[in-house]
N, C-alpha and C. Protein backbone atom coordinates (compact mmCIF):
# COMPACT_ATOMS: atom_id res chain seq x y z
N MET A 1 29.49 11.10 -1.38
CA MET A 1 28.98 9.85 -1.29
C MET A 1 27.68 9.74 -0.56
N ARG A 2 27.43 10.57 0.40
CA ARG A 2 26.22 10.69 1.09
C ARG A 2 25.04 10.96 0.25
N ASP A 3 25.13 11.95 -0.68
CA ASP A 3 24.12 12.37 -1.65
C ASP A 3 23.87 11.22 -2.57
N LEU A 4 24.81 10.54 -2.92
CA LEU A 4 24.52 9.30 -3.94
C LEU A 4 23.62 8.21 -3.13
N ILE A 5 24.03 7.96 -1.87
CA ILE A 5 23.12 7.11 -1.12
C ILE A 5 21.75 7.55 -0.88
N ARG A 6 21.57 8.89 -0.53
CA ARG A 6 20.15 9.33 -0.40
C ARG A 6 19.48 9.33 -1.78
N ALA A 7 20.16 9.64 -2.83
CA ALA A 7 19.45 9.63 -4.18
C ALA A 7 19.00 8.21 -4.41
N ARG A 8 19.77 7.19 -4.20
CA ARG A 8 19.48 5.84 -4.44
C ARG A 8 18.28 5.43 -3.55
N GLU A 9 18.25 5.83 -2.33
CA GLU A 9 17.19 5.46 -1.42
C GLU A 9 15.85 6.11 -1.86
N ALA A 10 15.94 7.38 -2.41
CA ALA A 10 14.77 7.99 -2.85
C ALA A 10 14.24 7.30 -4.03
N ALA A 11 15.13 6.92 -4.91
CA ALA A 11 14.71 6.26 -6.14
C ALA A 11 14.11 4.85 -5.78
N VAL A 12 14.56 4.20 -4.91
CA VAL A 12 13.99 2.88 -4.48
C VAL A 12 12.58 3.17 -3.95
N LYS A 13 12.53 4.18 -3.07
CA LYS A 13 11.22 4.42 -2.46
C LYS A 13 10.10 4.81 -3.63
N ASP A 14 10.64 5.60 -4.55
CA ASP A 14 9.76 6.05 -5.66
C ASP A 14 9.29 4.81 -6.38
N ARG A 15 10.29 3.93 -6.81
CA ARG A 15 9.97 2.75 -7.64
C ARG A 15 8.92 1.92 -6.82
N THR A 16 9.12 1.73 -5.46
CA THR A 16 8.19 0.95 -4.81
C THR A 16 6.72 1.62 -4.67
N ARG A 17 6.67 2.91 -4.67
CA ARG A 17 5.42 3.70 -4.56
C ARG A 17 4.68 3.48 -5.84
N LYS A 18 5.46 3.65 -7.05
CA LYS A 18 4.85 3.51 -8.29
C LYS A 18 4.39 2.15 -8.61
N ARG A 19 5.06 1.16 -8.13
CA ARG A 19 4.65 -0.27 -8.36
C ARG A 19 3.40 -0.50 -7.49
N GLN A 20 3.19 -0.04 -6.37
CA GLN A 20 2.06 -0.16 -5.60
C GLN A 20 0.82 0.57 -6.20
N GLU A 21 1.13 1.84 -6.76
CA GLU A 21 0.03 2.45 -7.53
C GLU A 21 -0.46 1.63 -8.68
N LEU A 22 0.43 1.09 -9.48
CA LEU A 22 0.15 0.23 -10.62
C LEU A 22 -0.75 -0.95 -10.23
N ARG A 23 -0.30 -1.63 -9.24
CA ARG A 23 -0.90 -2.84 -8.73
C ARG A 23 -2.36 -2.52 -8.21
N SER A 24 -2.52 -1.36 -7.57
CA SER A 24 -3.77 -0.94 -7.02
C SER A 24 -4.74 -0.54 -8.31
N PHE A 25 -4.17 0.03 -9.30
CA PHE A 25 -4.98 0.45 -10.46
C PHE A 25 -5.49 -0.83 -11.14
N LEU A 26 -4.52 -1.83 -11.21
CA LEU A 26 -4.95 -3.15 -11.90
C LEU A 26 -5.94 -3.82 -11.15
N LEU A 27 -5.85 -3.82 -9.88
CA LEU A 27 -6.86 -4.49 -8.93
C LEU A 27 -8.28 -3.83 -9.08
N ARG A 28 -8.22 -2.49 -9.05
CA ARG A 28 -9.42 -1.74 -9.19
C ARG A 28 -10.25 -2.09 -10.46
N HIS A 29 -9.47 -2.49 -11.49
CA HIS A 29 -10.13 -2.80 -12.79
C HIS A 29 -10.21 -4.28 -13.03
N GLY A 30 -9.98 -5.10 -12.00
CA GLY A 30 -10.28 -6.51 -12.07
C GLY A 30 -9.15 -7.27 -12.69
N LYS A 31 -7.96 -6.80 -12.85
CA LYS A 31 -6.85 -7.51 -13.53
C LYS A 31 -6.04 -7.98 -12.39
N ILE A 32 -6.09 -9.40 -12.23
CA ILE A 32 -5.37 -9.99 -11.19
C ILE A 32 -4.44 -10.99 -11.75
N TYR A 33 -3.20 -10.88 -11.37
CA TYR A 33 -2.07 -11.74 -11.88
C TYR A 33 -2.15 -12.99 -11.03
N SER A 34 -2.18 -14.18 -11.81
CA SER A 34 -2.31 -15.48 -11.07
C SER A 34 -0.98 -16.23 -10.96
N GLY A 35 0.04 -15.59 -11.43
CA GLY A 35 1.43 -16.22 -11.34
C GLY A 35 1.97 -16.08 -9.85
N LEU A 36 3.12 -16.63 -9.61
CA LEU A 36 3.76 -16.61 -8.35
C LEU A 36 4.53 -15.34 -8.06
N LYS A 37 5.35 -14.89 -8.95
CA LYS A 37 6.18 -13.82 -8.72
C LYS A 37 5.84 -12.54 -9.49
N ALA A 38 5.58 -11.47 -8.76
CA ALA A 38 5.26 -10.25 -9.44
C ALA A 38 6.58 -9.55 -9.81
N TRP A 39 6.49 -8.75 -10.86
CA TRP A 39 7.55 -8.01 -11.40
C TRP A 39 8.77 -8.71 -12.03
N GLY A 40 8.41 -10.01 -12.31
CA GLY A 40 9.39 -10.89 -13.15
C GLY A 40 9.03 -10.63 -14.57
N THR A 41 9.76 -11.43 -15.45
CA THR A 41 9.59 -11.42 -16.87
C THR A 41 8.21 -11.77 -17.24
N LYS A 42 7.71 -12.87 -16.60
CA LYS A 42 6.30 -13.35 -16.98
C LYS A 42 5.24 -12.32 -16.67
N TYR A 43 5.44 -11.65 -15.47
CA TYR A 43 4.53 -10.64 -15.03
C TYR A 43 4.50 -9.44 -15.92
N LEU A 44 5.70 -9.08 -16.37
CA LEU A 44 5.77 -7.91 -17.30
C LEU A 44 5.19 -8.23 -18.69
N LYS A 45 5.33 -9.41 -19.11
CA LYS A 45 4.65 -9.74 -20.41
C LYS A 45 3.17 -9.86 -20.24
N TRP A 46 2.64 -10.35 -18.99
CA TRP A 46 1.26 -10.32 -18.83
C TRP A 46 0.73 -8.97 -18.83
N GLN A 47 1.45 -7.95 -18.11
CA GLN A 47 0.98 -6.61 -18.12
C GLN A 47 0.96 -5.96 -19.48
N HIS A 48 1.88 -6.31 -20.37
CA HIS A 48 1.86 -5.72 -21.69
C HIS A 48 0.77 -6.30 -22.54
N GLY A 49 0.25 -7.39 -22.18
CA GLY A 49 -0.84 -8.11 -22.95
C GLY A 49 -2.25 -7.69 -22.46
N LEU A 50 -2.36 -6.92 -21.43
CA LEU A 50 -3.64 -6.46 -20.97
C LEU A 50 -4.42 -5.63 -21.95
N SER A 51 -5.68 -5.66 -21.81
CA SER A 51 -6.49 -4.71 -22.58
C SER A 51 -7.54 -4.20 -21.69
N PHE A 52 -7.87 -2.96 -21.92
CA PHE A 52 -8.80 -2.13 -21.07
C PHE A 52 -9.93 -1.65 -22.02
N SER A 53 -11.02 -1.29 -21.30
CA SER A 53 -12.16 -0.71 -22.01
C SER A 53 -11.98 0.75 -22.61
N TYR A 54 -11.12 1.44 -21.98
CA TYR A 54 -10.80 2.71 -22.52
C TYR A 54 -9.30 2.84 -22.86
N PRO A 55 -9.07 3.35 -23.98
CA PRO A 55 -7.67 3.55 -24.44
C PRO A 55 -6.81 4.35 -23.56
N CYS A 56 -7.32 5.27 -22.87
CA CYS A 56 -6.55 6.08 -22.06
C CYS A 56 -5.95 5.36 -20.75
N TRP A 57 -6.56 4.14 -20.43
CA TRP A 57 -6.05 3.38 -19.34
C TRP A 57 -4.84 2.52 -19.71
N ALA A 58 -4.61 2.33 -21.00
CA ALA A 58 -3.58 1.49 -21.49
C ALA A 58 -2.23 2.23 -21.12
N PHE A 59 -1.24 1.23 -20.84
CA PHE A 59 0.03 1.71 -20.54
C PHE A 59 1.09 0.99 -21.34
């Protein structure tokens, strides 16, 4: 049980870290979300609709 709890905590930390990295990337490239709640359905749709000057930056 302890291993399961530690694995979940590690996964949550990793998800948080990756979300912060993605938001920093978007901010560096001038992509600012004007909505209220990040990581909701509207935010994810907004993310998928973004366009960048270089194709390798798309996700």
